[in-house]
Amino acid sequence: MRKITLRTPAEIALSRAAGELAADVLHMIAEHIKPGVTTDQLDQLCHDHIVNVQHAIPANIGYHGFPKTICASVNEVICHGIPSGLVLKDGDIVNIDVAVIKDGWFGDSSRMYFVGQPSALARRLVVTTYEAMRAGIMKVRPGATLGDVGHAIQTVAHREGFSVVREYCGHGIGTIYHDDPQVLHYGHAGGGLRLKEGMIFTIEPMINAGKRNCSELDDGWTVVTEDGSLSAQWEHMVAVTADGFEILTPWPDGFGSYMSIPQKAA
């Protein structure tokens, strides 16, 4: 693991500015997610918003060869779904993951959306995954550990009979898209890296309704549940502050019907 850079207040402000743009894209696209729309159409809307409205750079295009602006992961897709002609239908759940670059700083966030009316299981999975992310974020403070974060996340998921994907994790972020530290969404309380003021990283649990096992499709990107069960993911960028945390990707529309979460530690 490379030495982790502790960011100054001025650098955190630049990270926050990029993070807020990512959150704004997720707010913008919400009204367009409905039965009959394709994930390619959603991708184009996000691209045009980033380029023409925000005057920022879509970070995903060309990243290790990824061809699109967003990752659009539907139903059993865990992450990295490539937008296509896939038509969303009533009852689907979809994760939109977007990253932007502004003034050399990366902003990265994702959230879940319901397409029409989801099943009871789908709704419980999405809400539980949000609660798991929230539980992890609430553990962030100087002196805590990444193990505390992961343990809090897996505790919520396992309580509901769901599983935590282990092959993909959160990451440090700043002027590098995916940096150290790696933020696992499972673990032992008190274990792992000790947190310090100035660290910035993502917390982005991927929770499956069935078993945790996953497979990558032949396109080299799309990751799905091996058993075909539903999967959900939420993601925020978080900065460690002197007395806790700050969410750097606050959603402009708040949290809707989901559980409330403070933007900064109380």
Protein backbone atom coordinates (compact mmCIF):
# COMPACT_ATOMS: atom_id res chain seq x y z
CA MET A 1 0.00 0.00 0.00
CA ARG A 2 1.31 3.41 -0.97
CA LYS A 3 1.65 6.11 1.67
CA ILE A 4 -1.78 7.67 2.13
CA THR A 5 -1.86 11.41 1.58
CA LEU A 6 -3.58 13.43 4.29
CA ARG A 7 -5.43 16.27 2.62
CA THR A 8 -5.48 19.89 3.72
CA PRO A 9 -8.74 21.83 4.14
CA ALA A 10 -8.10 23.52 0.78
CA GLU A 11 -7.63 20.15 -0.92
CA ILE A 12 -10.73 18.74 0.72
CA ALA A 13 -12.65 21.72 -0.67
CA LEU A 14 -11.51 20.78 -4.19
CA SER A 15 -12.50 17.17 -3.57
CA ARG A 16 -15.87 18.32 -2.26
CA ALA A 17 -16.48 20.44 -5.36
CA ALA A 18 -15.89 17.41 -7.60
CA GLY A 19 -17.96 15.17 -5.34
CA GLU A 20 -20.90 17.54 -5.43
CA LEU A 21 -20.87 17.41 -9.22
CA ALA A 22 -21.09 13.60 -9.16
CA ALA A 23 -24.01 13.85 -6.74
CA ASP A 24 -25.68 16.41 -8.98
CA VAL A 25 -25.57 13.99 -11.93
CA LEU A 26 -27.34 11.35 -9.84
CA HIS A 27 -29.97 13.91 -8.87
CA MET A 28 -30.47 14.97 -12.50
CA ILE A 29 -30.93 11.47 -13.85
CA ALA A 30 -33.50 10.34 -11.28
CA GLU A 31 -36.57 11.62 -13.16
CA HIS A 32 -35.46 9.83 -16.35
CA ILE A 33 -35.29 6.37 -14.80
CA LYS A 34 -38.59 4.76 -15.74
CA PRO A 35 -39.94 1.76 -17.66
CA GLY A 36 -39.13 1.92 -21.38
CA VAL A 37 -35.89 3.91 -21.19
CA THR A 38 -32.60 2.27 -22.18
CA THR A 39 -29.44 2.44 -20.13
CA ASP A 40 -27.72 3.93 -23.19
CA GLN A 41 -30.20 6.84 -23.11
CA LEU A 42 -29.42 7.39 -19.43
CA ASP A 43 -25.71 7.34 -20.24
CA GLN A 44 -26.09 10.01 -22.92
CA LEU A 45 -28.07 12.26 -20.59
CA CYS A 46 -25.38 11.98 -17.93
CA HIS A 47 -22.60 12.62 -20.45
CA ASP A 48 -24.27 15.74 -21.81
CA HIS A 49 -24.96 17.07 -18.31
CA ILE A 50 -21.35 16.63 -17.21
CA VAL A 51 -19.88 18.16 -20.36
CA ASN A 52 -22.38 20.89 -21.27
CA VAL A 53 -23.81 21.92 -17.90
CA GLN A 54 -21.07 21.19 -15.39
CA HIS A 55 -18.18 21.83 -17.80
CA ALA A 56 -16.41 18.86 -16.26
CA ILE A 57 -14.89 15.64 -17.60
CA PRO A 58 -16.60 12.23 -17.50
CA ALA A 59 -13.98 10.19 -15.64
CA ASN A 60 -15.12 6.74 -16.72
CA ILE A 61 -14.80 7.14 -20.49
CA GLY A 62 -11.62 5.37 -21.53
CA TYR A 63 -10.68 4.39 -17.97
CA HIS A 64 -8.86 1.09 -18.55
CA GLY A 65 -10.90 0.93 -21.75
CA PHE A 66 -14.37 1.45 -20.24
CA PRO A 67 -16.52 2.83 -23.09
CA LYS A 68 -19.26 4.82 -21.31
CA THR A 69 -19.92 7.70 -18.90
CA ILE A 70 -21.78 5.74 -16.23
CA CYS A 71 -21.96 2.22 -14.93
CA ALA A 72 -25.59 1.07 -15.08
CA SER A 73 -26.03 -2.14 -13.08
CA VAL A 74 -29.50 -3.68 -13.29
CA ASN A 75 -30.97 -6.39 -11.02
CA GLU A 76 -28.40 -9.21 -10.75
CA VAL A 77 -25.55 -7.00 -12.01
CA ILE A 78 -23.33 -6.19 -9.02
CA CYS A 79 -21.22 -3.46 -10.62
CA HIS A 80 -19.62 -2.13 -13.82
CA GLY A 81 -22.64 -2.68 -16.02
CA ILE A 82 -22.00 -1.16 -19.47
CA PRO A 83 -24.87 1.01 -20.75
CA SER A 84 -26.53 -0.52 -23.80
CA GLY A 85 -29.85 -0.91 -25.56
CA LEU A 86 -31.23 -2.73 -22.52
CA VAL A 87 -34.74 -1.44 -21.84
CA LEU A 88 -35.66 -0.95 -18.19
CA LYS A 89 -38.92 -2.55 -17.13
CA ASP A 90 -41.30 -2.16 -14.23
CA GLY A 91 -39.90 -3.77 -11.08
CA ASP A 92 -36.22 -3.44 -12.03
CA ILE A 93 -33.67 -1.98 -9.65
CA VAL A 94 -30.67 -0.15 -11.06
CA ASN A 95 -27.48 1.32 -9.68
CA ILE A 96 -26.04 4.34 -11.48
CA ASP A 97 -22.35 4.94 -10.71
CA VAL A 98 -20.80 8.14 -12.01
CA ALA A 99 -17.43 9.83 -11.70
CA VAL A 100 -16.35 13.29 -12.85
CA ILE A 101 -13.11 15.22 -12.99
CA LYS A 102 -13.11 18.91 -12.07
CA ASP A 103 -9.89 20.92 -11.82
CA GLY A 104 -7.92 17.67 -11.62
CA TRP A 105 -9.97 16.20 -8.75
CA PHE A 106 -12.23 13.16 -8.96
CA GLY A 107 -15.78 12.95 -7.69
CA ASP A 108 -17.35 9.49 -7.44
CA SER A 109 -20.78 8.42 -6.19
CA SER A 110 -23.52 5.90 -6.89
CA ARG A 111 -27.07 5.25 -5.79
CA MET A 112 -29.95 2.88 -6.35
CA TYR A 113 -33.19 3.63 -8.20
CA PHE A 114 -36.47 1.77 -8.43
CA VAL A 115 -37.99 1.37 -11.90
CA GLY A 116 -41.72 1.47 -11.30
CA GLN A 117 -42.80 -0.74 -8.40
CA PRO A 118 -40.13 -3.09 -7.01
CA SER A 119 -40.81 -6.38 -5.27
CA ALA A 120 -40.77 -6.50 -1.48
CA LEU A 121 -37.41 -8.31 -1.60
CA ALA A 122 -35.91 -5.74 -3.95
CA ARG A 123 -37.07 -2.87 -1.75
CA ARG A 124 -35.71 -4.53 1.40
CA LEU A 125 -32.35 -5.20 -0.29
CA VAL A 126 -31.98 -1.62 -1.52
CA VAL A 127 -32.93 -0.10 1.83
CA THR A 128 -30.71 -2.53 3.76
CA THR A 129 -27.75 -1.73 1.52
CA TYR A 130 -28.29 1.96 2.15
CA GLU A 131 -28.47 1.30 5.87
CA ALA A 132 -25.25 -0.73 5.66
CA MET A 133 -23.44 2.14 3.93
CA ARG A 134 -24.81 4.51 6.56
CA ALA A 135 -23.60 2.26 9.38
CA GLY A 136 -20.12 2.18 7.87
CA ILE A 137 -19.96 5.94 7.42
CA MET A 138 -21.04 6.53 11.01
CA LYS A 139 -17.93 4.67 12.22
CA VAL A 140 -15.55 7.10 10.48
CA ARG A 141 -13.50 9.25 12.84
CA PRO A 142 -9.81 9.69 13.73
CA GLY A 143 -8.59 6.69 15.68
CA ALA A 144 -11.22 4.32 14.32
CA THR A 145 -10.18 1.60 11.88
CA LEU A 146 -11.28 0.39 8.48
CA GLY A 147 -12.17 -2.84 10.22
CA ASP A 148 -14.73 -0.91 12.25
CA VAL A 149 -16.27 0.34 8.99
CA GLY A 150 -16.37 -3.09 7.34
CA HIS A 151 -17.70 -4.82 10.43
CA ALA A 152 -20.56 -2.32 10.73
CA ILE A 153 -21.52 -2.88 7.08
CA GLN A 154 -21.49 -6.67 7.21
CA THR A 155 -23.42 -6.69 10.49
CA VAL A 156 -26.34 -4.87 8.86
CA ALA A 157 -26.26 -7.05 5.74
CA HIS A 158 -26.06 -10.34 7.63
CA ARG A 159 -28.82 -9.28 9.99
CA GLU A 160 -31.20 -9.32 7.02
CA GLY A 161 -29.89 -12.59 5.61
CA PHE A 162 -27.98 -10.89 2.78
CA SER A 163 -24.34 -11.34 1.75
CA VAL A 164 -21.48 -8.91 1.18
CA VAL A 165 -19.46 -8.99 -2.05
CA ARG A 166 -15.77 -9.32 -1.15
CA GLU A 167 -14.06 -9.00 -4.53
CA TYR A 168 -14.74 -5.25 -4.88
CA CYS A 169 -14.23 -2.50 -2.34
CA GLY A 170 -14.12 1.21 -1.66
CA HIS A 171 -10.97 3.18 -2.36
CA GLY A 172 -8.97 6.28 -1.69
CA ILE A 173 -9.73 9.11 -4.09
CA GLY A 174 -8.46 12.61 -4.83
CA THR A 175 -6.26 13.50 -7.79
CA ILE A 176 -6.11 9.74 -8.46
CA TYR A 177 -9.37 7.92 -9.24
CA HIS A 178 -8.66 4.66 -7.40
CA ASP A 179 -6.00 5.09 -4.73
CA ASP A 180 -5.10 3.62 -1.36
CA PRO A 181 -6.53 2.71 1.04
CA GLN A 182 -8.72 -0.17 -0.01
CA VAL A 183 -11.95 -0.01 1.99
CA LEU A 184 -13.35 -3.51 2.56
CA HIS A 185 -17.04 -3.85 3.34
CA TYR A 186 -16.49 -6.66 5.83
CA GLY A 187 -14.01 -7.18 8.63
CA HIS A 188 -13.31 -7.26 12.33
CA ALA A 189 -13.90 -4.31 14.63
CA GLY A 190 -10.57 -2.78 15.65
CA GLY A 191 -8.68 -4.34 12.74
CA GLY A 192 -7.09 -2.76 9.71
CA LEU A 193 -5.78 0.70 8.95
CA ARG A 194 -6.28 3.34 11.64
CA LEU A 195 -8.02 6.44 10.30
CA LYS A 196 -6.47 9.91 10.43
CA GLU A 197 -7.81 13.38 9.77
CA GLY A 198 -7.42 14.32 6.10
CA MET A 199 -8.00 10.88 4.60
CA ILE A 200 -10.53 10.73 1.74
CA PHE A 201 -12.06 7.49 0.51
CA THR A 202 -15.27 5.93 -0.78
CA ILE A 203 -17.59 3.61 1.10
CA GLU A 204 -19.62 1.63 -1.44
CA PRO A 205 -20.97 -1.72 -0.21
CA MET A 206 -22.31 -4.22 -2.73
CA ILE A 207 -24.89 -6.47 -1.08
CA ASN A 208 -26.49 -9.56 -2.65
CA ALA A 209 -29.89 -11.01 -1.82
CA GLY A 210 -28.41 -14.49 -2.30
CA LYS A 211 -24.86 -15.77 -1.99
CA ARG A 212 -21.88 -13.42 -2.25
CA ASN A 213 -20.22 -15.23 -5.18
CA CYS A 214 -19.81 -13.26 -8.40
CA SER A 215 -18.63 -13.69 -11.98
CA GLU A 216 -17.32 -11.29 -14.62
CA LEU A 217 -18.94 -11.50 -18.05
CA ASP A 218 -17.04 -11.84 -21.31
CA ASP A 219 -17.12 -8.08 -21.90
CA GLY A 220 -14.42 -7.80 -19.23
CA TRP A 221 -16.44 -5.41 -17.08
CA THR A 222 -19.93 -6.51 -16.09
CA VAL A 223 -19.99 -8.37 -12.76
CA VAL A 224 -23.06 -10.46 -11.88
CA THR A 225 -24.22 -12.64 -9.01
CA GLU A 226 -23.43 -16.29 -9.71
CA ASP A 227 -26.82 -17.43 -8.44
CA GLY A 228 -28.79 -14.78 -10.35
CA SER A 229 -29.95 -13.07 -7.16
CA LEU A 230 -30.50 -9.32 -6.94
CA SER A 231 -27.66 -7.02 -5.93
CA ALA A 232 -27.60 -3.42 -4.68
CA GLN A 233 -24.94 -0.78 -4.07
CA TRP A 234 -24.69 2.75 -2.66
CA GLU A 235 -21.58 4.92 -2.62
CA HIS A 236 -20.41 8.09 -0.94
CA MET A 237 -17.05 9.84 -0.76
CA VAL A 238 -16.09 10.55 2.85
CA ALA A 239 -13.41 12.75 4.40
CA VAL A 240 -12.08 12.06 7.89
CA THR A 241 -12.38 15.28 9.90
CA ALA A 242 -11.00 16.30 13.30
CA ASP A 243 -14.11 15.05 15.07
CA GLY A 244 -15.60 12.49 12.67
CA PHE A 245 -16.48 12.64 8.98
CA GLU A 246 -17.85 14.74 6.16
CA ILE A 247 -19.75 13.33 3.20
CA LEU A 248 -18.26 14.95 0.09
CA THR A 249 -21.02 13.72 -2.26
CA PRO A 250 -24.24 14.99 -0.60
CA TRP A 251 -27.28 14.35 -2.78
CA PRO A 252 -29.18 17.56 -3.59
CA ASP A 253 -32.58 15.86 -3.14
CA GLY A 254 -31.71 14.42 0.23
CA PHE A 255 -32.57 10.79 0.90
CA GLY A 256 -36.21 10.43 -0.04
CA SER A 257 -37.81 7.51 1.70
CA TYR A 258 -34.47 6.14 2.81
CA MET A 259 -32.96 6.45 6.24
CA SER A 260 -31.59 9.88 7.12
CA ILE A 261 -27.87 10.36 7.52
CA PRO A 262 -26.01 13.49 8.62
CA GLN A 263 -23.66 15.08 6.12
CA LYS A 264 -21.12 15.68 8.88
CA ALA A 265 -20.47 14.00 12.19
CA ALA A 266 -22.50 15.47 15.03
